[in-house]
Amino acid sequence: MMMKFDLYHYYERNQGPFKSLSALEIDEAEQILQKIRYNGDTFASKRSLDYIKIRKGLENKAREAFIAKGGNPKKMYPHYMTLGECGWIKEWYRDGKEVKISLAEFKEDNISFTYGDLFPTMRYQDGKEYREQVYTKEEIMKLIEKYGLPQEWNKEGTYGPERYIEVQIWSNEVINKYV
């Protein structure tokens, strides 16, 4: 039985939803990230100096893995959401807001999932079966049946880096309605 879920996107109010450093050339993204670091008052200000290059590499790896599973991404980089609510993410921002969209609005061949945030999931090496894996909707539902939602069993991050299921949206089709 397929569970019904909403997807959540968290963002800074004055920036608006679905803005992405990945949409920019590396030099421009680095300049923006440097300003964020200088201000030092949001979660993003703590990112490493090589963050953009690592991020773009991981996004490419996730995209290729999704294509190998039959995915049909329409973009080179994804928009990010969480599967289920994670209200604490709003604390990453000075004035955090959220957009909520039903999972049912998305075409299955335009969305992929990682059991945890893409960054640690694709890099963390601890032998868990969901490390370095990208999932289809059907596959992530089976994983949820097996392990549950990380935001329920790992609210504080005590048991590893997975604190939510991340959704990678590889199309602007639905997103454009919420921008």
N, C-alpha and C. Protein backbone atom coordinates (compact mmCIF):
# COMPACT_ATOMS: atom_id res chain seq x y z
N MET A 1 0.84 -1.19 0.00
CA MET A 1 0.00 0.00 0.00
C MET A 1 0.89 1.25 0.00
N MET A 2 0.63 2.17 -0.92
CA MET A 2 1.40 3.39 -1.04
C MET A 2 0.91 4.42 -0.03
N MET A 3 1.83 4.92 0.80
CA MET A 3 1.48 5.93 1.78
C MET A 3 1.35 7.29 1.10
N LYS A 4 0.51 8.14 1.66
CA LYS A 4 0.36 9.50 1.14
C LYS A 4 1.27 10.42 1.93
N PHE A 5 2.00 11.25 1.20
CA PHE A 5 2.94 12.16 1.84
C PHE A 5 2.84 13.54 1.22
N ASP A 6 3.19 14.52 2.02
CA ASP A 6 3.42 15.86 1.52
C ASP A 6 4.93 16.09 1.51
N LEU A 7 5.35 16.93 0.59
CA LEU A 7 6.75 17.33 0.51
C LEU A 7 6.86 18.75 1.04
N TYR A 8 7.98 19.05 1.68
CA TYR A 8 8.19 20.37 2.27
C TYR A 8 9.50 20.96 1.76
N HIS A 9 9.42 22.25 1.44
CA HIS A 9 10.61 23.00 1.05
C HIS A 9 10.73 24.17 2.03
N TYR A 10 11.90 24.31 2.63
CA TYR A 10 12.14 25.37 3.61
C TYR A 10 13.08 26.40 2.99
N TYR A 11 12.84 27.67 3.31
CA TYR A 11 13.60 28.73 2.67
C TYR A 11 13.58 30.01 3.50
N GLU A 12 14.46 30.92 3.14
CA GLU A 12 14.53 32.25 3.75
C GLU A 12 13.47 33.14 3.11
N ARG A 13 12.63 33.74 3.94
CA ARG A 13 11.50 34.55 3.43
C ARG A 13 11.95 35.58 2.39
N ASN A 14 13.00 36.33 2.67
CA ASN A 14 13.37 37.41 1.75
C ASN A 14 14.03 36.90 0.46
N GLN A 15 14.37 35.62 0.39
CA GLN A 15 14.93 35.04 -0.84
C GLN A 15 13.85 34.38 -1.69
N GLY A 16 12.81 33.90 -1.06
CA GLY A 16 11.76 33.18 -1.77
C GLY A 16 12.11 31.71 -1.92
N PRO A 17 11.12 30.91 -2.29
CA PRO A 17 11.35 29.45 -2.37
C PRO A 17 12.08 29.03 -3.64
N PHE A 18 12.68 27.87 -3.54
CA PHE A 18 13.29 27.15 -4.67
C PHE A 18 14.41 27.93 -5.36
N LYS A 19 15.22 28.62 -4.57
CA LYS A 19 16.44 29.23 -5.08
C LYS A 19 17.56 28.22 -4.87
N SER A 20 18.48 28.15 -5.82
CA SER A 20 19.52 27.14 -5.71
C SER A 20 20.87 27.66 -6.18
N LEU A 21 21.87 27.45 -5.36
CA LEU A 21 23.24 27.78 -5.77
C LEU A 21 23.66 26.93 -6.96
N SER A 22 23.11 25.76 -7.08
CA SER A 22 23.46 24.86 -8.18
C SER A 22 23.04 25.42 -9.54
N ALA A 23 22.08 26.31 -9.55
CA ALA A 23 21.61 26.90 -10.80
C ALA A 23 22.62 27.90 -11.36
N LEU A 24 23.58 28.29 -10.54
CA LEU A 24 24.54 29.31 -10.92
C LEU A 24 25.86 28.71 -11.36
N GLU A 25 26.64 29.49 -12.08
CA GLU A 25 28.01 29.08 -12.39
C GLU A 25 28.78 29.03 -11.07
N ILE A 26 29.80 28.21 -11.01
CA ILE A 26 30.53 27.99 -9.76
C ILE A 26 31.05 29.31 -9.17
N ASP A 27 31.63 30.19 -9.97
CA ASP A 27 32.17 31.45 -9.44
C ASP A 27 31.08 32.31 -8.81
N GLU A 28 29.93 32.41 -9.47
CA GLU A 28 28.83 33.21 -8.93
C GLU A 28 28.28 32.58 -7.65
N ALA A 29 28.13 31.26 -7.64
CA ALA A 29 27.64 30.56 -6.45
C ALA A 29 28.61 30.75 -5.29
N GLU A 30 29.90 30.69 -5.57
CA GLU A 30 30.92 30.89 -4.53
C GLU A 30 30.83 32.30 -3.94
N GLN A 31 30.60 33.31 -4.78
CA GLN A 31 30.48 34.69 -4.30
C GLN A 31 29.29 34.83 -3.35
N ILE A 32 28.18 34.24 -3.73
CA ILE A 32 26.98 34.31 -2.88
C ILE A 32 27.22 33.56 -1.56
N LEU A 33 27.82 32.38 -1.66
CA LEU A 33 28.10 31.61 -0.44
C LEU A 33 29.08 32.36 0.46
N GLN A 34 30.03 33.07 -0.12
CA GLN A 34 30.98 33.85 0.67
C GLN A 34 30.25 34.95 1.45
N LYS A 35 29.26 35.59 0.84
CA LYS A 35 28.46 36.60 1.55
C LYS A 35 27.69 35.97 2.69
N ILE A 36 27.15 34.78 2.44
CA ILE A 36 26.40 34.07 3.49
C ILE A 36 27.34 33.73 4.64
N ARG A 37 28.54 33.26 4.32
CA ARG A 37 29.53 32.96 5.37
C ARG A 37 29.88 34.21 6.17
N TYR A 38 30.07 35.32 5.47
CA TYR A 38 30.44 36.57 6.12
C TYR A 38 29.37 37.01 7.12
N ASN A 39 28.10 36.89 6.72
CA ASN A 39 27.01 37.26 7.62
C ASN A 39 26.92 36.31 8.81
N GLY A 40 27.25 35.05 8.59
CA GLY A 40 27.42 34.07 9.66
C GLY A 40 26.22 33.73 10.51
N ASP A 41 25.01 34.05 10.08
CA ASP A 41 23.88 33.85 10.98
C ASP A 41 22.87 32.81 10.49
N THR A 42 23.26 32.00 9.52
CA THR A 42 22.38 30.93 9.07
C THR A 42 23.18 29.64 8.95
N PHE A 43 22.47 28.54 8.83
CA PHE A 43 23.11 27.23 8.70
C PHE A 43 24.09 27.20 7.53
N ALA A 44 23.70 27.80 6.41
CA ALA A 44 24.54 27.79 5.20
C ALA A 44 25.87 28.49 5.42
N SER A 45 25.97 29.36 6.41
CA SER A 45 27.22 30.09 6.65
C SER A 45 28.34 29.18 7.15
N LYS A 46 28.00 27.97 7.55
CA LYS A 46 28.99 27.04 8.09
C LYS A 46 29.55 26.08 7.03
N ARG A 47 29.16 26.25 5.79
CA ARG A 47 29.59 25.34 4.73
C ARG A 47 31.05 25.54 4.38
N SER A 48 31.69 24.45 4.01
CA SER A 48 33.12 24.44 3.70
C SER A 48 33.44 25.23 2.44
N LEU A 49 34.71 25.55 2.27
CA LEU A 49 35.15 26.32 1.11
C LEU A 49 34.97 25.57 -0.20
N ASP A 50 34.99 24.24 -0.16
CA ASP A 50 34.82 23.45 -1.37
C ASP A 50 33.39 22.91 -1.53
N TYR A 51 32.46 23.48 -0.78
CA TYR A 51 31.08 23.01 -0.77
C TYR A 51 30.45 22.97 -2.16
N ILE A 52 30.56 24.04 -2.93
CA ILE A 52 29.88 24.12 -4.23
C ILE A 52 30.39 23.04 -5.17
N LYS A 53 31.67 22.84 -5.23
CA LYS A 53 32.23 21.82 -6.12
C LYS A 53 31.79 20.42 -5.69
N ILE A 54 31.81 20.16 -4.40
CA ILE A 54 31.36 18.85 -3.89
C ILE A 54 29.88 18.67 -4.19
N ARG A 55 29.10 19.70 -3.93
CA ARG A 55 27.65 19.63 -4.16
C ARG A 55 27.34 19.31 -5.62
N LYS A 56 27.95 20.03 -6.53
CA LYS A 56 27.70 19.79 -7.96
C LYS A 56 28.09 18.36 -8.36
N GLY A 57 29.18 17.86 -7.81
CA GLY A 57 29.59 16.48 -8.09
C GLY A 57 28.59 15.47 -7.56
N LEU A 58 28.09 15.69 -6.34
CA LEU A 58 27.10 14.78 -5.75
C LEU A 58 25.77 14.84 -6.50
N GLU A 59 25.38 16.03 -6.92
CA GLU A 59 24.15 16.15 -7.70
C GLU A 59 24.27 15.41 -9.02
N ASN A 60 25.41 15.49 -9.65
CA ASN A 60 25.63 14.76 -10.90
C ASN A 60 25.58 13.25 -10.66
N LYS A 61 26.21 12.81 -9.58
CA LYS A 61 26.20 11.38 -9.23
C LYS A 61 24.76 10.90 -8.98
N ALA A 62 23.97 11.70 -8.26
CA ALA A 62 22.57 11.35 -7.98
C ALA A 62 21.75 11.33 -9.27
N ARG A 63 21.99 12.29 -10.13
CA ARG A 63 21.27 12.36 -11.40
C ARG A 63 21.55 11.12 -12.25
N GLU A 64 22.82 10.76 -12.35
CA GLU A 64 23.19 9.58 -13.14
C GLU A 64 22.60 8.30 -12.54
N ALA A 65 22.60 8.19 -11.22
CA ALA A 65 22.02 7.01 -10.56
C ALA A 65 20.51 6.95 -10.81
N PHE A 66 19.86 8.10 -10.79
CA PHE A 66 18.42 8.17 -11.04
C PHE A 66 18.11 7.77 -12.49
N ILE A 67 18.89 8.25 -13.43
CA ILE A 67 18.70 7.88 -14.83
C ILE A 67 18.87 6.36 -15.00
N ALA A 68 19.85 5.80 -14.32
CA ALA A 68 20.10 4.35 -14.41
C ALA A 68 18.89 3.55 -13.90
N LYS A 69 18.06 4.16 -13.05
CA LYS A 69 16.88 3.49 -12.52
C LYS A 69 15.62 3.84 -13.31
N GLY A 70 15.80 4.49 -14.45
CA GLY A 70 14.65 4.83 -15.29
C GLY A 70 14.13 6.24 -15.11
N GLY A 71 14.81 7.03 -14.29
CA GLY A 71 14.39 8.42 -14.10
C GLY A 71 14.59 9.23 -15.36
N ASN A 72 13.83 10.32 -15.45
CA ASN A 72 13.88 11.18 -16.62
C ASN A 72 14.02 12.64 -16.17
N PRO A 73 15.19 13.00 -15.61
CA PRO A 73 15.36 14.37 -15.12
C PRO A 73 15.30 15.38 -16.27
N LYS A 74 14.62 16.48 -16.02
CA LYS A 74 14.50 17.56 -17.00
C LYS A 74 15.50 18.67 -16.73
N LYS A 75 16.21 18.57 -15.61
CA LYS A 75 17.17 19.58 -15.19
C LYS A 75 18.50 18.91 -14.86
N MET A 76 19.57 19.69 -14.86
CA MET A 76 20.89 19.17 -14.50
C MET A 76 21.09 19.09 -12.99
N TYR A 77 20.34 19.86 -12.25
CA TYR A 77 20.43 19.89 -10.79
C TYR A 77 19.00 19.88 -10.24
N PRO A 78 18.82 19.37 -9.03
CA PRO A 78 17.45 19.28 -8.49
C PRO A 78 17.06 20.47 -7.62
N HIS A 79 15.76 20.59 -7.42
CA HIS A 79 15.23 21.37 -6.31
C HIS A 79 15.12 20.38 -5.16
N TYR A 80 15.22 20.87 -3.93
CA TYR A 80 15.21 19.97 -2.78
C TYR A 80 13.98 20.18 -1.91
N MET A 81 13.44 19.06 -1.44
CA MET A 81 12.33 19.06 -0.50
C MET A 81 12.56 17.92 0.49
N THR A 82 11.76 17.86 1.53
CA THR A 82 11.80 16.72 2.44
C THR A 82 10.50 15.94 2.28
N LEU A 83 10.58 14.64 2.48
CA LEU A 83 9.40 13.79 2.47
C LEU A 83 8.85 13.79 3.88
N GLY A 84 7.77 14.50 4.07
CA GLY A 84 7.23 14.69 5.41
C GLY A 84 7.79 15.97 6.02
N GLU A 85 7.13 16.41 7.05
CA GLU A 85 7.48 17.68 7.69
C GLU A 85 8.73 17.57 8.56
N CYS A 86 9.54 18.62 8.53
CA CYS A 86 10.73 18.76 9.40
C CYS A 86 10.81 20.23 9.81
N GLY A 87 9.86 20.67 10.60
CA GLY A 87 9.76 22.08 10.96
C GLY A 87 11.02 22.68 11.55
N TRP A 88 11.86 21.88 12.18
CA TRP A 88 13.10 22.39 12.77
C TRP A 88 14.04 22.94 11.71
N ILE A 89 13.88 22.55 10.46
CA ILE A 89 14.76 23.07 9.39
C ILE A 89 14.55 24.58 9.23
N LYS A 90 13.37 25.08 9.54
CA LYS A 90 13.13 26.52 9.44
C LYS A 90 14.10 27.30 10.34
N GLU A 91 14.61 26.65 11.38
CA GLU A 91 15.57 27.30 12.27
C GLU A 91 16.91 27.57 11.60
N TRP A 92 17.15 26.95 10.44
CA TRP A 92 18.39 27.20 9.69
C TRP A 92 18.41 28.61 9.10
N TYR A 93 17.25 29.28 9.10
CA TYR A 93 17.10 30.57 8.45
C TYR A 93 16.75 31.65 9.46
N ARG A 94 17.05 32.89 9.11
CA ARG A 94 16.67 34.02 9.98
C ARG A 94 15.15 34.11 10.07
N ASP A 95 14.48 33.99 8.92
CA ASP A 95 13.02 34.07 8.86
C ASP A 95 12.54 32.93 7.97
N GLY A 96 12.61 31.72 8.50
CA GLY A 96 12.29 30.52 7.72
C GLY A 96 10.82 30.37 7.41
N LYS A 97 10.55 29.97 6.20
CA LYS A 97 9.20 29.71 5.72
C LYS A 97 9.19 28.33 5.05
N GLU A 98 8.00 27.87 4.69
CA GLU A 98 7.89 26.56 4.04
C GLU A 98 6.85 26.57 2.94
N VAL A 99 7.07 25.68 1.98
CA VAL A 99 6.10 25.38 0.94
C VAL A 99 5.77 23.91 1.10
N LYS A 100 4.49 23.58 1.05
CA LYS A 100 4.03 22.20 1.18
C LYS A 100 3.33 21.80 -0.11
N ILE A 101 3.76 20.67 -0.69
CA ILE A 101 3.19 20.18 -1.95
C ILE A 101 2.94 18.68 -1.80
N SER A 102 1.81 18.22 -2.26
CA SER A 102 1.51 16.79 -2.20
C SER A 102 2.46 16.02 -3.13
N LEU A 103 2.97 14.92 -2.64
CA LEU A 103 3.82 14.05 -3.44
C LEU A 103 3.10 13.63 -4.72
N ALA A 104 1.80 13.48 -4.65
CA ALA A 104 1.01 13.03 -5.79
C ALA A 104 1.05 14.00 -6.98
N GLU A 105 1.46 15.25 -6.75
CA GLU A 105 1.54 16.22 -7.85
C GLU A 105 2.70 15.95 -8.81
N PHE A 106 3.68 15.17 -8.37
CA PHE A 106 4.89 14.99 -9.15
C PHE A 106 4.86 13.71 -9.98
N LYS A 107 5.42 13.77 -11.17
CA LYS A 107 5.61 12.58 -11.99
C LYS A 107 6.74 11.76 -11.37
N GLU A 108 6.54 10.47 -11.27
CA GLU A 108 7.52 9.62 -10.61
C GLU A 108 8.88 9.60 -11.30
N ASP A 109 8.91 9.85 -12.60
CA ASP A 109 10.20 9.82 -13.29
C ASP A 109 10.93 11.16 -13.22
N ASN A 110 10.39 12.13 -12.44
CA ASN A 110 11.04 13.42 -12.23
C ASN A 110 11.47 13.65 -10.79
N ILE A 111 11.30 12.64 -9.93
CA ILE A 111 11.70 12.81 -8.52
C ILE A 111 12.50 11.60 -8.05
N SER A 112 13.53 11.88 -7.30
CA SER A 112 14.31 10.81 -6.67
C SER A 112 14.39 11.11 -5.18
N PHE A 113 14.90 10.15 -4.43
CA PHE A 113 14.93 10.25 -2.98
C PHE A 113 16.26 9.74 -2.44
N THR A 114 16.70 10.33 -1.36
CA THR A 114 17.81 9.76 -0.59
C THR A 114 17.33 9.62 0.84
N TYR A 115 17.76 8.55 1.49
CA TYR A 115 17.37 8.32 2.88
C TYR A 115 18.35 9.12 3.74
N GLY A 116 18.02 10.37 3.89
CA GLY A 116 18.88 11.36 4.52
C GLY A 116 19.20 12.42 3.48
N ASP A 117 19.80 13.49 3.93
CA ASP A 117 20.23 14.57 3.05
C ASP A 117 21.23 14.03 2.03
N LEU A 118 21.15 14.50 0.81
CA LEU A 118 22.02 14.03 -0.27
C LEU A 118 23.50 14.11 0.12
N PHE A 119 23.90 15.21 0.73
CA PHE A 119 25.32 15.43 1.03
C PHE A 119 25.91 14.32 1.91
N PRO A 120 25.41 14.10 3.10
CA PRO A 120 26.00 13.01 3.90
C PRO A 120 25.66 11.62 3.38
N THR A 121 24.46 11.45 2.82
CA THR A 121 24.05 10.13 2.35
C THR A 121 25.00 9.60 1.28
N MET A 122 25.42 10.47 0.39
CA MET A 122 26.29 10.05 -0.71
C MET A 122 27.76 10.01 -0.32
N ARG A 123 28.10 10.48 0.89
CA ARG A 123 29.51 10.55 1.29
C ARG A 123 29.83 9.72 2.54
N TYR A 124 28.86 9.54 3.42
CA TYR A 124 29.08 8.88 4.71
C TYR A 124 29.25 7.38 4.50
N GLN A 125 30.25 6.81 5.09
CA GLN A 125 30.55 5.38 4.90
C GLN A 125 30.44 4.65 6.24
N ASP A 126 29.31 3.99 6.45
CA ASP A 126 29.15 3.24 7.69
C ASP A 126 28.49 1.88 7.46
N GLY A 127 28.38 1.48 6.19
CA GLY A 127 27.84 0.17 5.88
C GLY A 127 26.33 0.06 5.83
N LYS A 128 25.61 1.15 6.14
CA LYS A 128 24.15 1.09 6.07
C LYS A 128 23.73 0.98 4.61
N GLU A 129 22.71 0.18 4.36
CA GLU A 129 22.30 -0.13 2.99
C GLU A 129 21.87 1.08 2.18
N TYR A 130 21.45 2.14 2.83
CA TYR A 130 20.94 3.30 2.10
C TYR A 130 22.01 4.37 1.83
N ARG A 131 23.25 4.12 2.20
CA ARG A 131 24.32 5.05 1.88
C ARG A 131 24.65 4.96 0.39
N GLU A 132 24.96 6.08 -0.18
CA GLU A 132 25.33 6.20 -1.60
C GLU A 132 24.25 5.66 -2.54
N GLN A 133 23.00 5.75 -2.09
CA GLN A 133 21.88 5.23 -2.88
C GLN A 133 20.89 6.34 -3.21
N VAL A 134 20.36 6.27 -4.40
CA VAL A 134 19.26 7.12 -4.83
C VAL A 134 18.09 6.20 -5.11
N TYR A 135 16.90 6.60 -4.66
CA TYR A 135 15.73 5.73 -4.75
C TYR A 135 14.63 6.33 -5.61
N THR A 136 13.85 5.45 -6.22
CA THR A 136 12.60 5.83 -6.88
C THR A 136 11.53 5.93 -5.79
N LYS A 137 10.36 6.42 -6.17
CA LYS A 137 9.26 6.53 -5.21
C LYS A 137 8.90 5.16 -4.64
N GLU A 138 8.78 4.18 -5.49
CA GLU A 138 8.44 2.83 -5.03
C GLU A 138 9.49 2.28 -4.07
N GLU A 139 10.76 2.49 -4.41
CA GLU A 139 11.85 1.99 -3.56
C GLU A 139 11.89 2.69 -2.21
N ILE A 140 11.67 4.01 -2.19
CA ILE A 140 11.75 4.72 -0.90
C ILE A 140 10.60 4.31 0.01
N MET A 141 9.44 4.00 -0.57
CA MET A 141 8.31 3.55 0.25
C MET A 141 8.64 2.22 0.94
N LYS A 142 9.32 1.34 0.24
CA LYS A 142 9.74 0.07 0.84
C LYS A 142 10.75 0.31 1.96
N LEU A 143 11.65 1.26 1.74
CA LEU A 143 12.65 1.57 2.77
C LEU A 143 11.98 2.19 4.00
N ILE A 144 10.96 3.00 3.79
CA ILE A 144 10.21 3.59 4.92
C ILE A 144 9.50 2.50 5.70
N GLU A 145 8.93 1.52 4.99
CA GLU A 145 8.29 0.40 5.69
C GLU A 145 9.30 -0.34 6.56
N LYS A 146 10.52 -0.44 6.10
CA LYS A 146 11.57 -1.16 6.82
C LYS A 146 12.15 -0.36 7.99
N TYR A 147 12.44 0.93 7.75
CA TYR A 147 13.16 1.74 8.76
C TYR A 147 12.34 2.86 9.38
N GLY A 148 11.24 3.24 8.77
CA GLY A 148 10.49 4.40 9.25
C GLY A 148 11.08 5.69 8.70
N LEU A 149 10.51 6.80 9.14
CA LEU A 149 11.00 8.12 8.74
C LEU A 149 12.11 8.57 9.68
N PRO A 150 13.25 8.98 9.16
CA PRO A 150 14.34 9.42 10.04
C PRO A 150 13.94 10.58 10.95
N GLN A 151 13.06 11.47 10.48
CA GLN A 151 12.66 12.60 11.32
C GLN A 151 11.85 12.15 12.53
N GLU A 152 11.41 10.89 12.53
CA GLU A 152 10.72 10.37 13.70
C GLU A 152 11.68 9.64 14.65
N TRP A 153 12.63 8.87 14.13
CA TRP A 153 13.52 8.11 15.01
C TRP A 153 14.87 8.76 15.24
N ASN A 154 15.18 9.82 14.51
CA ASN A 154 16.48 10.48 14.67
C ASN A 154 16.33 12.00 14.69
N LYS A 155 15.40 12.47 15.49
CA LYS A 155 15.09 13.90 15.54
C LYS A 155 16.30 14.76 15.88
N GLU A 156 17.15 14.28 16.73
CA GLU A 156 18.30 15.07 17.18
C GLU A 156 19.59 14.74 16.44
N GLY A 157 19.55 13.79 15.52
CA GLY A 157 20.77 13.40 14.81
C GLY A 157 21.69 12.54 15.65
N THR A 158 21.16 11.95 16.69
CA THR A 158 21.94 11.13 17.62
C THR A 158 22.45 9.85 16.97
N TYR A 159 21.68 9.32 16.03
CA TYR A 159 21.98 7.99 15.50
C TYR A 159 22.60 8.02 14.11
N GLY A 160 23.09 9.16 13.68
CA GLY A 160 23.71 9.27 12.37
C GLY A 160 23.24 10.51 11.65
N PRO A 161 23.72 10.72 10.43
CA PRO A 161 23.41 11.97 9.73
C PRO A 161 22.02 12.02 9.09
N GLU A 162 21.33 10.89 9.02
CA GLU A 162 20.02 10.92 8.38
C GLU A 162 18.98 11.47 9.37
N ARG A 163 18.42 12.63 9.01
CA ARG A 163 17.42 13.25 9.87
C ARG A 163 16.10 13.45 9.14
N TYR A 164 16.10 13.18 7.85
CA TYR A 164 14.90 13.26 7.02
C TYR A 164 15.18 12.56 5.71
N ILE A 165 14.14 12.31 4.96
CA ILE A 165 14.30 11.79 3.60
C ILE A 165 14.26 13.00 2.68
N GLU A 166 15.31 13.12 1.88
CA GLU A 166 15.37 14.23 0.95
C GLU A 166 14.77 13.81 -0.39
N VAL A 167 14.06 14.74 -0.99
CA VAL A 167 13.47 14.52 -2.31
C VAL A 167 14.18 15.46 -3.28
N GLN A 168 14.66 14.88 -4.37
CA GLN A 168 15.28 15.68 -5.41
C GLN A 168 14.25 15.83 -6.54
N ILE A 169 13.88 17.06 -6.83
CA ILE A 169 12.89 17.35 -7.86
C ILE A 169 13.65 17.75 -9.12
N TRP A 170 13.53 16.95 -10.16
CA TRP A 170 14.33 17.12 -11.38
C TRP A 170 13.55 17.80 -12.51
N SER A 171 12.54 18.56 -12.17
CA SER A 171 11.72 19.26 -13.15
C SER A 171 11.16 20.53 -12.52
N ASN A 172 10.91 21.54 -13.33
CA ASN A 172 10.28 22.77 -12.83
C ASN A 172 8.76 22.76 -12.97
N GLU A 173 8.23 21.71 -13.58
CA GLU A 173 6.81 21.67 -13.93
C GLU A 173 5.90 22.01 -12.75
N VAL A 174 6.03 21.31 -11.65
CA VAL A 174 5.20 21.58 -10.47
C VAL A 174 5.74 22.76 -9.68
N ILE A 175 7.04 22.85 -9.56
CA ILE A 175 7.69 23.89 -8.77
C ILE A 175 7.27 25.30 -9.22
N ASN A 176 7.14 25.50 -10.53
CA ASN A 176 6.80 26.83 -11.05
C ASN A 176 5.48 27.37 -10.49
N LYS A 177 4.59 26.49 -10.06
CA LYS A 177 3.32 26.93 -9.47
C LYS A 177 3.50 27.56 -8.10
N TYR A 178 4.65 27.31 -7.47
CA TYR A 178 4.88 27.73 -6.08
C TYR A 178 5.95 28.79 -5.93
N VAL A 179 6.49 29.25 -7.05
CA VAL A 179 7.58 30.24 -7.00
C VAL A 179 6.99 31.64 -7.02
